[in-house]
Amino acid sequence: MCAVVGVAQLLKTLTSNWRTPYLVWDNSTRAELREALRARPPDDALAPPLRYSAHRRLLAVGGLYLAIYDEMPDYPVENPQQFALDLLKFIQEQTQLEITDEIAEHITLALNALANCIIKNPGVEIQCIGRFGLIFGLMAAGERVSRAAVRVVAAAARSRACVDDVAAGALLGHLLPLLAPPPRDDALRALAALLPATPLVREALSKGAVIYLLDLFCNCNIPEIREMAVELLARMMADKLHGPKVRLTISRYVPGVFAEAMREAGAAGALHAFDASHDHPELVWGDELRARVRARLAQLRDRHYTNQIGDPSTVFEYDTSEQGEEAWAPPGEVVVGGVYLKLFLQNPTWSLRSPKRFLQELVSETLSSLSKDSSEGSRGDTCARALAALLRARPALCEACAQLGELPRLARLLPACPRHAVPVLAALAHTQACVVALSQTDVMVGLKTAVKTCQETVGAACDALTAIFNSTVNTDKLVLQALECELVGELLGVLEARALEGGAAARVVGALKAMSRAGPHAERVRAQLARSPVWDQYAAQRHDLFISAPAHHSLAAAPQSAGYLSAPPSVPPTQPPPLD
């Protein structure tokens, strides 16, 4: 030391008090040194090795006193890479001994020192590569050892190379049990640091992370822990490869609307949605169902925790018996795209969370169900009424409906299911893209059959015809089709029968007038009208006075927030809010 710092600095050091990770020197050590020197035999050139009493309870590894380094983590380490290696070697040696309280304390000190060294010296964490099995294995030890091991993992996880090494070792089975009660925020933070890696999302899913996190979300009483659980689930769902499977897994144990809230509304919105009561087209949720979900998750967590503690490689067996959204629906409900259709029919202007996705699934389900059963009260009947209500409430969705390419199937259903298909067609006919698509079908043939066989659809069919032939789209082909299938004559026959009330008759007249103005075939329409014995009685009247506008509850743009987030609770709170 004299050669390094010089005589003056050495004398200053010897005469001062020091307490650093490298040196503990005070009055007691000086006194012990003087005493040892006095007791040295005169003929001995060197003093015998001396162990100072001040050092007896201090554990030194790599030339540093670990307890003092843990107190002074900012103290510069001369060779941090070597120090990290020394610590890892020491920890390995200690774990091979019988774990007593003293050994556990030594391991804790070494792990904390390793975490501090990694945090303060970026790049040191790569020394842990190949040793993470040792570190993760210590998470099952006593709480202090476990917390120190988790701290090392969280610190090392800022290195992609370390995260990849953790993934290669399939080690999450040691960390996940720490999420069981009592909840550990440090374990949540460590898991959060690891989850950006897609392989670890896959492993977390397979080893029960969803159950642990859902249990914290539903059963924990600490708001901060619940919020962290939501953020982790949202992060897992955001993974491009495994996110959809995570979302489906969540929806097996809680209604899917909560998974949506975790992604779209954040932790606060998801917690509010879960804790409140709801009764609307996307969620029916109250105290009884909430209690059942909580109890079920706690049971699954306890069972998996017991298995995983015994074998960290245990894979969680996710429940595949649930019926998806059907499992959460009220008895007798029809569920499509996460929406309860019977409740939706009572409130068609409800702000849906994913209107386009709902439209796509509802169109497909409607056409499939109607082809099987269109009787009153059937699934097809409910779907068709919901589809018509959706398109009337949100005309902007008609454009998206045309893009689905399903209008030919709808046109083919007109003869067999007029009572269901005609109202949907009437809602779609106001959109040019739909008229273009319909012009490639035999829609006029289907409308003629509907008018002939189902008088209650005459008004809606004429609304559709009026909208089609008043559009700016070239409808020559459709006018010709109407003439060839004798739809014009069928409508005149309806007028001649005088079986319709004034409003319905006026809609028939409006449809015929629209056809008589549409393109090169309009003259043939006017000629056929002129030959009718009743047309002159209707043609000159202001029939629009008898026509009420269709009930369009138009939502011009997507709502800023979904209804399940902004709607008031279905059950008012029993107590006033707390005073500030």
Foldseek 3Di string as FASTA:
>chain_A
DCVVPNDVVVVVVQVDADDAQQDGHDPQVNVVVVVQVVPDDPVDPDGPDDDGPVCPPFDDWPRTGLVRCLVVLLPDDPDLLVRLVRLLVLLVVLVVDDDDVVSLVSLLSSLSNNLSSLQNPPPSLVSCQVVLVVLLVQLLPDPSSNLSSLSSLLSSLVDPVSLVSCLVVLRCLSLQLCLPPVGDVSSLSSLVSNLVDPSVLVSCQFLCVLLSLVLCLQPNPDLVSNQSSLQSLLSSLPDPPCNVVSLQLNLQLPPSVLSVCSNPVGRVLSSVLLVFADDAFQAGDDDVVSVVSNVVSSVLSVVSSVVSSVPSSDTRDGDPPGPGLVNRDDPPFDDWPSTGLVRCLVPVLAQAPDLLSRLLRLLVQLLVQVVPDCDPSGNNVSSLSSLLSNLLQAVVCLLVVLVSLCVQSLLVCLLVRVVRSLSNLLSNLLDPSSLVSCLVHLNLLSLLNSVVPPVVSLQSSLSSLLNSLVDPDQNPSVLVSNVVSVVLVSLLVVVVVVPDPLQSNLSSLSNLVSSLVHPDCNVVSVVVLVPRPCSVVPVVDPSVVSHDDPNRSYDHDRDPHGNSSPPDGPDDDPDDDDDD
